[in-house]
Amino acid sequence: MVICALVLVGCGTGDDAVRQGDSFEFVSPGGQTAIFYDPPDSRGQVGELMGPDLLDDTATIRLSDFAGQVVVINVWGSWCGPCRGEAPALEQVYEQTKDSGVAFLGIDFRDRKQSGRDFVTDRGVTYPSIYDYDGRTLATLTTPTSVVPTTVVLDRRHRAAAVYLRAITADELRQRVERIAAEP
């Protein structure tokens, strides 16, 4: 997997990887590629994500559409080899956890819209994706924009609980998601 130099959007300073005031501002401590925020009261709130639905030109998807749910956000592009590799794992975990109050949301980044649509269709991805060519939605999330794939797991209050700056396996994602979904 090739990871470009990290370009951080809206980062805070210091060594706090999650909280700058009451909001989530991403900082990767020591170049880690898997960061977990525990206990839950140490988590910061992400901004209100929103953007156009990749498959429906007339619809907008908002993070608030998933109120009260754990949300797994995956940043991907059809041009990204690791994204193609992890797509089946993400779909598998989505199918296994959606009945326990877990939602998945893709962010298709720096992609031609038709290429993104073909990616979703060809790989049988059934959860929604925001089309985000220019990175405006991603900037709200404040994660590195040059690390694709990135997966962020939000708890039911939409606070960042885990960030993966790499491709993820079904087993590691399912374990983390189930743990977060079981939180009070």
N, C-alpha and C. Protein backbone atom coordinates (compact mmCIF):
# COMPACT_ATOMS: atom_id res chain seq x y z
N MET A 1 0.85 -1.17 0.00
CA MET A 1 0.00 0.00 0.00
C MET A 1 0.89 1.22 0.00
N VAL A 2 0.60 2.14 -0.87
CA VAL A 2 1.35 3.38 -0.94
C VAL A 2 0.56 4.44 -0.19
N ILE A 3 1.22 5.09 0.75
CA ILE A 3 0.58 6.18 1.47
C ILE A 3 1.38 7.44 1.17
N CYS A 4 0.67 8.43 0.64
CA CYS A 4 1.30 9.70 0.35
C CYS A 4 1.61 10.42 1.65
N ALA A 5 2.40 11.46 1.57
CA ALA A 5 2.68 12.28 2.74
C ALA A 5 1.37 12.77 3.34
N LEU A 6 1.31 12.78 4.64
CA LEU A 6 0.09 13.21 5.29
C LEU A 6 -0.14 14.69 5.10
N VAL A 7 -1.33 15.01 4.66
CA VAL A 7 -1.77 16.39 4.57
C VAL A 7 -2.94 16.50 5.51
N LEU A 8 -2.77 17.21 6.59
CA LEU A 8 -3.82 17.28 7.59
C LEU A 8 -4.68 18.50 7.36
N VAL A 9 -5.98 18.28 7.39
CA VAL A 9 -6.94 19.35 7.19
C VAL A 9 -7.49 19.74 8.55
N GLY A 10 -7.37 20.99 8.93
CA GLY A 10 -7.96 21.48 10.17
C GLY A 10 -7.36 20.87 11.42
N CYS A 11 -6.09 20.54 11.42
CA CYS A 11 -5.49 19.90 12.57
C CYS A 11 -5.25 20.89 13.69
N GLY A 12 -5.29 20.37 14.88
CA GLY A 12 -4.90 21.15 16.04
C GLY A 12 -3.42 21.00 16.25
N THR A 13 -2.92 21.56 17.30
CA THR A 13 -1.52 21.44 17.61
C THR A 13 -1.37 20.64 18.89
N GLY A 14 -0.15 20.29 19.23
CA GLY A 14 0.09 19.53 20.43
C GLY A 14 -0.01 18.04 20.18
N ASP A 15 -0.05 17.25 21.28
CA ASP A 15 -0.04 15.81 21.13
C ASP A 15 -1.40 15.18 21.39
N ASP A 16 -2.43 15.98 21.58
CA ASP A 16 -3.77 15.46 21.78
C ASP A 16 -4.34 15.03 20.44
N ALA A 17 -4.63 13.75 20.29
CA ALA A 17 -5.05 13.22 19.00
C ALA A 17 -6.53 13.36 18.71
N VAL A 18 -7.29 13.89 19.64
CA VAL A 18 -8.72 13.93 19.37
C VAL A 18 -9.40 15.22 19.80
N ARG A 19 -9.10 15.77 20.91
CA ARG A 19 -9.92 16.84 21.44
C ARG A 19 -9.19 18.18 21.38
N GLN A 20 -9.82 19.09 20.70
CA GLN A 20 -9.40 20.48 20.71
C GLN A 20 -10.67 21.23 21.09
N GLY A 21 -10.83 21.58 22.35
CA GLY A 21 -12.11 22.08 22.81
C GLY A 21 -13.06 20.90 22.90
N ASP A 22 -14.25 21.04 22.31
CA ASP A 22 -15.23 19.96 22.35
C ASP A 22 -15.38 19.26 21.01
N SER A 23 -14.51 19.55 20.06
CA SER A 23 -14.68 18.97 18.73
C SER A 23 -13.52 18.05 18.37
N PHE A 24 -13.78 17.21 17.40
CA PHE A 24 -12.77 16.28 16.89
C PHE A 24 -11.92 16.98 15.85
N GLU A 25 -10.64 17.08 16.11
CA GLU A 25 -9.69 17.60 15.13
C GLU A 25 -8.56 16.59 15.08
N PHE A 26 -8.39 15.98 13.94
CA PHE A 26 -7.50 14.84 13.82
C PHE A 26 -6.03 15.21 13.86
N VAL A 27 -5.28 14.50 14.70
CA VAL A 27 -3.83 14.56 14.73
C VAL A 27 -3.37 13.11 14.88
N SER A 28 -2.46 12.66 14.01
CA SER A 28 -1.96 11.29 14.09
C SER A 28 -0.74 11.26 15.00
N PRO A 29 -0.88 10.79 16.24
CA PRO A 29 0.24 10.78 17.17
C PRO A 29 1.32 9.79 16.73
N GLY A 30 2.51 10.29 16.52
CA GLY A 30 3.63 9.42 16.18
C GLY A 30 3.48 8.67 14.88
N GLY A 31 2.66 9.16 13.96
CA GLY A 31 2.49 8.51 12.68
C GLY A 31 1.70 7.22 12.74
N GLN A 32 0.92 6.99 13.80
CA GLN A 32 0.14 5.76 13.92
C GLN A 32 -0.87 5.65 12.78
N THR A 33 -1.19 4.41 12.40
CA THR A 33 -2.18 4.18 11.35
C THR A 33 -3.48 3.58 11.89
N ALA A 34 -3.54 3.28 13.17
CA ALA A 34 -4.77 2.85 13.84
C ALA A 34 -4.80 3.53 15.19
N ILE A 35 -5.79 4.39 15.39
CA ILE A 35 -5.88 5.19 16.61
C ILE A 35 -7.24 4.94 17.24
N PHE A 36 -7.26 4.67 18.56
CA PHE A 36 -8.49 4.38 19.28
C PHE A 36 -8.65 5.39 20.40
N TYR A 37 -9.86 5.89 20.56
CA TYR A 37 -10.14 6.91 21.55
C TYR A 37 -11.01 6.34 22.65
N ASP A 38 -10.37 6.00 23.76
CA ASP A 38 -11.04 5.46 24.93
C ASP A 38 -10.46 6.13 26.16
N PRO A 39 -11.25 6.40 27.16
CA PRO A 39 -12.65 6.09 27.31
C PRO A 39 -13.53 7.00 26.44
N PRO A 40 -14.81 6.67 26.33
CA PRO A 40 -15.69 7.45 25.47
C PRO A 40 -15.72 8.95 25.77
N ASP A 41 -15.54 9.34 27.03
CA ASP A 41 -15.60 10.77 27.33
C ASP A 41 -14.38 11.54 26.81
N SER A 42 -13.39 10.82 26.28
CA SER A 42 -12.23 11.49 25.67
C SER A 42 -12.45 11.78 24.18
N ARG A 43 -13.57 11.34 23.64
CA ARG A 43 -13.84 11.48 22.21
C ARG A 43 -14.39 12.86 21.87
N GLY A 44 -14.02 13.33 20.70
CA GLY A 44 -14.53 14.61 20.22
C GLY A 44 -15.60 14.41 19.16
N GLN A 45 -16.51 15.35 19.09
CA GLN A 45 -17.62 15.33 18.14
C GLN A 45 -17.11 15.71 16.75
N VAL A 46 -17.53 14.99 15.73
CA VAL A 46 -17.19 15.39 14.36
C VAL A 46 -18.20 16.43 13.89
N GLY A 47 -17.82 17.19 12.89
CA GLY A 47 -18.73 18.17 12.32
C GLY A 47 -19.86 17.51 11.56
N GLU A 48 -20.84 18.30 11.15
CA GLU A 48 -21.97 17.78 10.39
C GLU A 48 -21.52 17.51 8.96
N LEU A 49 -21.28 16.25 8.66
CA LEU A 49 -20.93 15.85 7.30
C LEU A 49 -22.16 15.90 6.42
N MET A 50 -21.96 16.33 5.21
CA MET A 50 -23.06 16.26 4.24
C MET A 50 -22.48 16.39 2.84
N GLY A 51 -23.18 15.80 1.89
CA GLY A 51 -22.75 15.89 0.51
C GLY A 51 -23.72 15.16 -0.40
N PRO A 52 -23.50 15.31 -1.70
CA PRO A 52 -24.40 14.68 -2.66
C PRO A 52 -24.28 13.15 -2.66
N ASP A 53 -25.42 12.50 -2.79
CA ASP A 53 -25.47 11.05 -2.88
C ASP A 53 -24.83 10.62 -4.19
N LEU A 54 -23.87 9.69 -4.12
CA LEU A 54 -23.17 9.22 -5.32
C LEU A 54 -24.13 8.65 -6.35
N LEU A 55 -25.16 7.94 -5.92
CA LEU A 55 -26.04 7.24 -6.84
C LEU A 55 -27.31 8.00 -7.21
N ASP A 56 -27.63 9.06 -6.48
CA ASP A 56 -28.87 9.80 -6.71
C ASP A 56 -28.55 11.29 -6.80
N ASP A 57 -28.54 11.81 -8.00
CA ASP A 57 -28.16 13.22 -8.21
C ASP A 57 -29.11 14.21 -7.55
N THR A 58 -30.26 13.75 -7.08
CA THR A 58 -31.23 14.66 -6.47
C THR A 58 -31.20 14.61 -4.94
N ALA A 59 -30.36 13.77 -4.36
CA ALA A 59 -30.36 13.56 -2.91
C ALA A 59 -29.08 14.05 -2.25
N THR A 60 -29.21 14.45 -1.01
CA THR A 60 -28.08 14.82 -0.17
C THR A 60 -28.06 13.87 1.02
N ILE A 61 -26.87 13.42 1.38
CA ILE A 61 -26.71 12.56 2.54
C ILE A 61 -26.09 13.40 3.65
N ARG A 62 -26.64 13.28 4.85
CA ARG A 62 -26.14 14.00 6.02
C ARG A 62 -25.83 13.01 7.14
N LEU A 63 -24.81 13.30 7.90
CA LEU A 63 -24.50 12.47 9.06
C LEU A 63 -25.70 12.42 9.99
N SER A 64 -26.43 13.52 10.10
CA SER A 64 -27.60 13.56 10.98
C SER A 64 -28.70 12.58 10.53
N ASP A 65 -28.63 12.07 9.30
CA ASP A 65 -29.56 11.03 8.85
C ASP A 65 -29.40 9.74 9.66
N PHE A 66 -28.27 9.61 10.35
CA PHE A 66 -27.94 8.38 11.08
C PHE A 66 -27.94 8.62 12.59
N ALA A 67 -28.82 9.49 13.07
CA ALA A 67 -28.89 9.83 14.50
C ALA A 67 -29.05 8.57 15.35
N GLY A 68 -28.26 8.51 16.42
CA GLY A 68 -28.34 7.39 17.36
C GLY A 68 -27.68 6.11 16.91
N GLN A 69 -27.05 6.11 15.73
CA GLN A 69 -26.40 4.92 15.21
C GLN A 69 -24.88 5.06 15.29
N VAL A 70 -24.20 3.94 15.46
CA VAL A 70 -22.76 3.90 15.23
C VAL A 70 -22.60 4.07 13.73
N VAL A 71 -21.65 4.89 13.30
CA VAL A 71 -21.46 5.12 11.88
C VAL A 71 -20.00 4.82 11.52
N VAL A 72 -19.84 3.94 10.54
CA VAL A 72 -18.52 3.63 9.99
C VAL A 72 -18.39 4.42 8.69
N ILE A 73 -17.44 5.35 8.67
CA ILE A 73 -17.22 6.18 7.49
C ILE A 73 -15.96 5.67 6.81
N ASN A 74 -16.08 5.36 5.53
CA ASN A 74 -14.93 4.88 4.76
C ASN A 74 -14.67 5.83 3.60
N VAL A 75 -13.46 6.37 3.56
CA VAL A 75 -13.03 7.24 2.46
C VAL A 75 -12.37 6.35 1.42
N TRP A 76 -12.86 6.42 0.18
CA TRP A 76 -12.39 5.52 -0.86
C TRP A 76 -12.38 6.22 -2.22
N GLY A 77 -11.78 5.57 -3.17
CA GLY A 77 -11.81 6.00 -4.56
C GLY A 77 -11.68 4.78 -5.45
N SER A 78 -12.32 4.80 -6.59
CA SER A 78 -12.25 3.64 -7.49
C SER A 78 -10.83 3.43 -8.00
N TRP A 79 -10.02 4.46 -7.98
CA TRP A 79 -8.65 4.43 -8.46
C TRP A 79 -7.68 3.84 -7.43
N CYS A 80 -8.16 3.54 -6.24
CA CYS A 80 -7.34 3.12 -5.10
C CYS A 80 -7.33 1.60 -4.98
N GLY A 81 -6.18 0.99 -5.22
CA GLY A 81 -6.04 -0.47 -5.12
C GLY A 81 -6.45 -1.03 -3.76
N PRO A 82 -5.94 -0.48 -2.65
CA PRO A 82 -6.35 -0.99 -1.34
C PRO A 82 -7.86 -0.84 -1.10
N CYS A 83 -8.48 0.19 -1.68
CA CYS A 83 -9.93 0.36 -1.53
C CYS A 83 -10.67 -0.78 -2.22
N ARG A 84 -10.19 -1.16 -3.40
CA ARG A 84 -10.80 -2.29 -4.10
C ARG A 84 -10.65 -3.57 -3.28
N GLY A 85 -9.49 -3.71 -2.64
CA GLY A 85 -9.24 -4.90 -1.84
C GLY A 85 -10.09 -4.98 -0.58
N GLU A 86 -10.35 -3.83 0.08
CA GLU A 86 -11.08 -3.87 1.34
C GLU A 86 -12.60 -3.76 1.17
N ALA A 87 -13.09 -3.45 -0.01
CA ALA A 87 -14.53 -3.27 -0.23
C ALA A 87 -15.34 -4.50 0.21
N PRO A 88 -14.94 -5.72 -0.12
CA PRO A 88 -15.73 -6.87 0.35
C PRO A 88 -15.76 -6.99 1.88
N ALA A 89 -14.67 -6.65 2.54
CA ALA A 89 -14.63 -6.72 4.01
C ALA A 89 -15.59 -5.70 4.61
N LEU A 90 -15.61 -4.50 4.07
CA LEU A 90 -16.52 -3.47 4.57
C LEU A 90 -17.97 -3.89 4.38
N GLU A 91 -18.29 -4.40 3.22
CA GLU A 91 -19.66 -4.85 2.95
C GLU A 91 -20.04 -6.00 3.88
N GLN A 92 -19.12 -6.91 4.12
CA GLN A 92 -19.38 -8.04 5.02
C GLN A 92 -19.71 -7.54 6.43
N VAL A 93 -18.91 -6.62 6.96
CA VAL A 93 -19.15 -6.12 8.31
C VAL A 93 -20.45 -5.31 8.35
N TYR A 94 -20.73 -4.56 7.30
CA TYR A 94 -22.00 -3.83 7.23
C TYR A 94 -23.17 -4.80 7.35
N GLU A 95 -23.15 -5.86 6.56
CA GLU A 95 -24.25 -6.84 6.59
C GLU A 95 -24.37 -7.51 7.97
N GLN A 96 -23.22 -7.75 8.62
CA GLN A 96 -23.23 -8.44 9.91
C GLN A 96 -23.66 -7.54 11.07
N THR A 97 -23.55 -6.22 10.93
CA THR A 97 -23.79 -5.32 12.07
C THR A 97 -24.94 -4.34 11.88
N LYS A 98 -25.51 -4.24 10.70
CA LYS A 98 -26.53 -3.21 10.46
C LYS A 98 -27.77 -3.38 11.32
N ASP A 99 -28.10 -4.60 11.72
CA ASP A 99 -29.27 -4.81 12.56
C ASP A 99 -29.03 -4.46 14.03
N SER A 100 -27.79 -4.12 14.37
CA SER A 100 -27.49 -3.73 15.76
C SER A 100 -27.28 -2.22 15.88
N GLY A 101 -27.85 -1.45 14.94
CA GLY A 101 -27.76 -0.01 15.02
C GLY A 101 -26.47 0.57 14.47
N VAL A 102 -25.91 -0.11 13.48
CA VAL A 102 -24.66 0.35 12.85
C VAL A 102 -24.95 0.72 11.40
N ALA A 103 -24.51 1.89 11.01
CA ALA A 103 -24.65 2.34 9.63
C ALA A 103 -23.26 2.52 9.02
N PHE A 104 -23.18 2.36 7.73
CA PHE A 104 -21.93 2.62 7.00
C PHE A 104 -22.19 3.76 6.03
N LEU A 105 -21.17 4.58 5.82
CA LEU A 105 -21.25 5.69 4.89
C LEU A 105 -19.91 5.83 4.18
N GLY A 106 -19.93 5.73 2.87
CA GLY A 106 -18.71 5.93 2.09
C GLY A 106 -18.57 7.40 1.71
N ILE A 107 -17.33 7.81 1.50
CA ILE A 107 -17.03 9.11 0.92
C ILE A 107 -16.12 8.84 -0.28
N ASP A 108 -16.68 8.98 -1.47
CA ASP A 108 -15.94 8.75 -2.72
C ASP A 108 -15.16 10.02 -3.03
N PHE A 109 -13.84 9.93 -2.90
CA PHE A 109 -12.95 11.09 -2.95
C PHE A 109 -12.12 11.11 -4.23
N ARG A 110 -12.03 12.27 -4.86
CA ARG A 110 -11.17 12.50 -6.04
C ARG A 110 -11.42 11.46 -7.13
N ASP A 111 -12.67 11.30 -7.49
CA ASP A 111 -13.06 10.26 -8.43
C ASP A 111 -14.00 10.85 -9.47
N ARG A 112 -14.02 10.26 -10.64
CA ARG A 112 -15.08 10.60 -11.60
C ARG A 112 -16.35 9.94 -11.10
N LYS A 113 -17.47 10.63 -11.20
CA LYS A 113 -18.72 10.11 -10.64
C LYS A 113 -19.08 8.75 -11.24
N GLN A 114 -18.95 8.59 -12.55
CA GLN A 114 -19.31 7.32 -13.16
C GLN A 114 -18.38 6.20 -12.70
N SER A 115 -17.11 6.51 -12.50
CA SER A 115 -16.18 5.49 -11.99
C SER A 115 -16.58 5.05 -10.59
N GLY A 116 -16.99 6.01 -9.76
CA GLY A 116 -17.46 5.67 -8.42
C GLY A 116 -18.71 4.82 -8.46
N ARG A 117 -19.64 5.18 -9.33
CA ARG A 117 -20.87 4.40 -9.46
C ARG A 117 -20.57 2.98 -9.93
N ASP A 118 -19.66 2.84 -10.88
CA ASP A 118 -19.28 1.52 -11.36
C ASP A 118 -18.63 0.69 -10.24
N PHE A 119 -17.79 1.33 -9.43
CA PHE A 119 -17.13 0.67 -8.31
C PHE A 119 -18.17 0.08 -7.36
N VAL A 120 -19.15 0.89 -6.97
CA VAL A 120 -20.20 0.45 -6.05
C VAL A 120 -20.99 -0.71 -6.65
N THR A 121 -21.37 -0.59 -7.91
CA THR A 121 -22.15 -1.64 -8.57
C THR A 121 -21.34 -2.92 -8.73
N ASP A 122 -20.12 -2.80 -9.23
CA ASP A 122 -19.28 -3.97 -9.49
C ASP A 122 -18.93 -4.75 -8.23
N ARG A 123 -18.81 -4.05 -7.09
CA ARG A 123 -18.41 -4.70 -5.85
C ARG A 123 -19.58 -4.99 -4.92
N GLY A 124 -20.79 -4.69 -5.37
CA GLY A 124 -21.97 -5.01 -4.57
C GLY A 124 -22.06 -4.24 -3.26
N VAL A 125 -21.57 -3.00 -3.25
CA VAL A 125 -21.63 -2.17 -2.05
C VAL A 125 -23.06 -1.67 -1.89
N THR A 126 -23.69 -1.98 -0.76
CA THR A 126 -25.11 -1.64 -0.58
C THR A 126 -25.34 -0.45 0.35
N TYR A 127 -24.32 0.03 1.03
CA TYR A 127 -24.49 1.21 1.87
C TYR A 127 -24.22 2.47 1.04
N PRO A 128 -24.74 3.63 1.47
CA PRO A 128 -24.63 4.84 0.66
C PRO A 128 -23.23 5.45 0.69
N SER A 129 -22.95 6.26 -0.33
CA SER A 129 -21.70 7.02 -0.39
C SER A 129 -22.00 8.45 -0.81
N ILE A 130 -21.24 9.35 -0.24
CA ILE A 130 -21.25 10.75 -0.64
C ILE A 130 -20.24 10.91 -1.76
N TYR A 131 -20.60 11.63 -2.80
CA TYR A 131 -19.67 11.94 -3.88
C TYR A 131 -18.93 13.22 -3.48
N ASP A 132 -17.61 13.13 -3.32
CA ASP A 132 -16.83 14.23 -2.76
C ASP A 132 -15.54 14.46 -3.56
N TYR A 133 -15.71 14.79 -4.83
CA TYR A 133 -14.53 14.98 -5.66
C TYR A 133 -13.56 16.00 -5.06
N ASP A 134 -14.08 17.14 -4.64
CA ASP A 134 -13.20 18.22 -4.20
C ASP A 134 -12.78 18.16 -2.74
N GLY A 135 -13.29 17.22 -1.98
CA GLY A 135 -12.85 17.04 -0.60
C GLY A 135 -13.54 17.92 0.43
N ARG A 136 -14.62 18.59 0.07
CA ARG A 136 -15.31 19.46 1.04
C ARG A 136 -15.91 18.68 2.19
N THR A 137 -16.51 17.54 1.90
CA THR A 137 -17.07 16.72 2.97
C THR A 137 -15.95 16.17 3.84
N LEU A 138 -14.90 15.70 3.22
CA LEU A 138 -13.77 15.15 3.95
C LEU A 138 -13.13 16.20 4.85
N ALA A 139 -13.07 17.45 4.41
CA ALA A 139 -12.51 18.52 5.23
C ALA A 139 -13.29 18.69 6.53
N THR A 140 -14.60 18.46 6.49
CA THR A 140 -15.43 18.54 7.69
C THR A 140 -15.04 17.45 8.68
N LEU A 141 -14.64 16.29 8.16
CA LEU A 141 -14.24 15.17 9.01
C LEU A 141 -12.86 15.41 9.62
N THR A 142 -12.05 16.26 9.02
CA THR A 142 -10.71 16.63 9.47
C THR A 142 -9.73 15.47 9.52
N THR A 143 -9.86 14.53 8.60
CA THR A 143 -8.87 13.45 8.50
C THR A 143 -7.91 13.77 7.36
N PRO A 144 -6.78 13.09 7.29
CA PRO A 144 -5.84 13.34 6.20
C PRO A 144 -6.49 13.07 4.85
N THR A 145 -6.33 13.98 3.93
CA THR A 145 -6.97 13.82 2.63
C THR A 145 -6.14 13.02 1.65
N SER A 146 -4.90 12.76 1.97
CA SER A 146 -4.09 11.99 1.03
C SER A 146 -3.91 10.54 1.46
N VAL A 147 -4.56 10.14 2.53
CA VAL A 147 -4.49 8.76 2.97
C VAL A 147 -5.83 8.10 2.63
N VAL A 148 -5.80 7.37 1.55
CA VAL A 148 -6.99 6.67 1.08
C VAL A 148 -6.58 5.21 0.87
N PRO A 149 -7.25 4.28 1.51
CA PRO A 149 -8.47 4.42 2.28
C PRO A 149 -8.22 4.90 3.71
N THR A 150 -9.23 5.53 4.25
CA THR A 150 -9.31 5.89 5.67
C THR A 150 -10.68 5.43 6.15
N THR A 151 -10.71 4.85 7.34
CA THR A 151 -11.97 4.44 7.94
C THR A 151 -12.06 5.06 9.33
N VAL A 152 -13.17 5.72 9.60
CA VAL A 152 -13.42 6.35 10.89
C VAL A 152 -14.69 5.73 11.47
N VAL A 153 -14.61 5.28 12.72
CA VAL A 153 -15.77 4.71 13.40
C VAL A 153 -16.26 5.72 14.42
N LEU A 154 -17.51 6.12 14.27
CA LEU A 154 -18.14 7.07 15.20
C LEU A 154 -19.05 6.31 16.15
N ASP A 155 -19.07 6.72 17.40
CA ASP A 155 -20.00 6.10 18.34
C ASP A 155 -21.41 6.65 18.11
N ARG A 156 -22.35 6.25 18.91
CA ARG A 156 -23.76 6.63 18.70
C ARG A 156 -24.00 8.13 18.86
N ARG A 157 -23.08 8.83 19.51
CA ARG A 157 -23.19 10.29 19.65
C ARG A 157 -22.38 10.99 18.56
N HIS A 158 -21.88 10.22 17.61
CA HIS A 158 -21.09 10.70 16.47
C HIS A 158 -19.81 11.38 16.91
N ARG A 159 -19.17 10.72 17.89
CA ARG A 159 -17.83 11.10 18.32
C ARG A 159 -16.85 10.08 17.75
N ALA A 160 -15.68 10.55 17.37
CA ALA A 160 -14.68 9.66 16.78
C ALA A 160 -14.17 8.67 17.81
N ALA A 161 -14.39 7.38 17.56
CA ALA A 161 -13.95 6.32 18.47
C ALA A 161 -12.72 5.59 17.94
N ALA A 162 -12.58 5.53 16.61
CA ALA A 162 -11.43 4.85 16.01
C ALA A 162 -11.17 5.44 14.63
N VAL A 163 -9.89 5.51 14.27
CA VAL A 163 -9.49 5.97 12.94
C VAL A 163 -8.44 4.99 12.41
N TYR A 164 -8.67 4.51 11.21
CA TYR A 164 -7.71 3.62 10.53
C TYR A 164 -7.22 4.35 9.29
N LEU A 165 -5.92 4.59 9.22
CA LEU A 165 -5.31 5.27 8.08
C LEU A 165 -4.64 4.24 7.18
N ARG A 166 -5.42 3.23 6.83
CA ARG A 166 -4.93 2.10 6.01
C ARG A 166 -6.12 1.23 5.68
N ALA A 167 -5.89 0.25 4.83
CA ALA A 167 -6.93 -0.74 4.55
C ALA A 167 -7.18 -1.54 5.83
N ILE A 168 -8.39 -2.02 5.96
CA ILE A 168 -8.80 -2.70 7.18
C ILE A 168 -9.36 -4.08 6.84
N THR A 169 -9.21 -5.02 7.77
CA THR A 169 -9.77 -6.36 7.56
C THR A 169 -11.16 -6.44 8.18
N ALA A 170 -11.93 -7.41 7.73
CA ALA A 170 -13.27 -7.60 8.27
C ALA A 170 -13.21 -7.93 9.76
N ASP A 171 -12.29 -8.79 10.17
CA ASP A 171 -12.22 -9.20 11.57
C ASP A 171 -11.92 -8.03 12.49
N GLU A 172 -10.90 -7.22 12.16
CA GLU A 172 -10.56 -6.12 13.05
C GLU A 172 -11.66 -5.06 13.08
N LEU A 173 -12.30 -4.80 11.95
CA LEU A 173 -13.36 -3.80 11.92
C LEU A 173 -14.59 -4.31 12.68
N ARG A 174 -14.98 -5.54 12.45
CA ARG A 174 -16.16 -6.09 13.13
C ARG A 174 -15.96 -6.06 14.65
N GLN A 175 -14.80 -6.47 15.13
CA GLN A 175 -14.55 -6.46 16.57
C GLN A 175 -14.67 -5.06 17.15
N ARG A 176 -14.10 -4.08 16.48
CA ARG A 176 -14.15 -2.70 16.97
C ARG A 176 -15.59 -2.17 16.92
N VAL A 177 -16.28 -2.41 15.82
CA VAL A 177 -17.65 -1.90 15.64
C VAL A 177 -18.58 -2.54 16.68
N GLU A 178 -18.48 -3.84 16.88
CA GLU A 178 -19.33 -4.51 17.86
C GLU A 178 -19.07 -3.97 19.26
N ARG A 179 -17.82 -3.70 19.58
CA ARG A 179 -17.47 -3.14 20.89
C ARG A 179 -18.10 -1.77 21.08
N ILE A 180 -18.00 -0.93 20.07
CA ILE A 180 -18.55 0.42 20.16
C ILE A 180 -20.08 0.37 20.17
N ALA A 181 -20.67 -0.51 19.40
CA ALA A 181 -22.13 -0.64 19.37
C ALA A 181 -22.68 -1.10 20.72
N ALA A 182 -21.88 -1.84 21.48
CA ALA A 182 -22.32 -2.35 22.79
C ALA A 182 -22.17 -1.31 23.91
N GLU A 183 -21.54 -0.19 23.63
CA GLU A 183 -21.36 0.83 24.66
C GLU A 183 -22.71 1.42 25.08
N PRO A 184 -22.82 1.77 26.37
CA PRO A 184 -24.09 2.37 26.84
C PRO A 184 -24.33 3.75 26.25
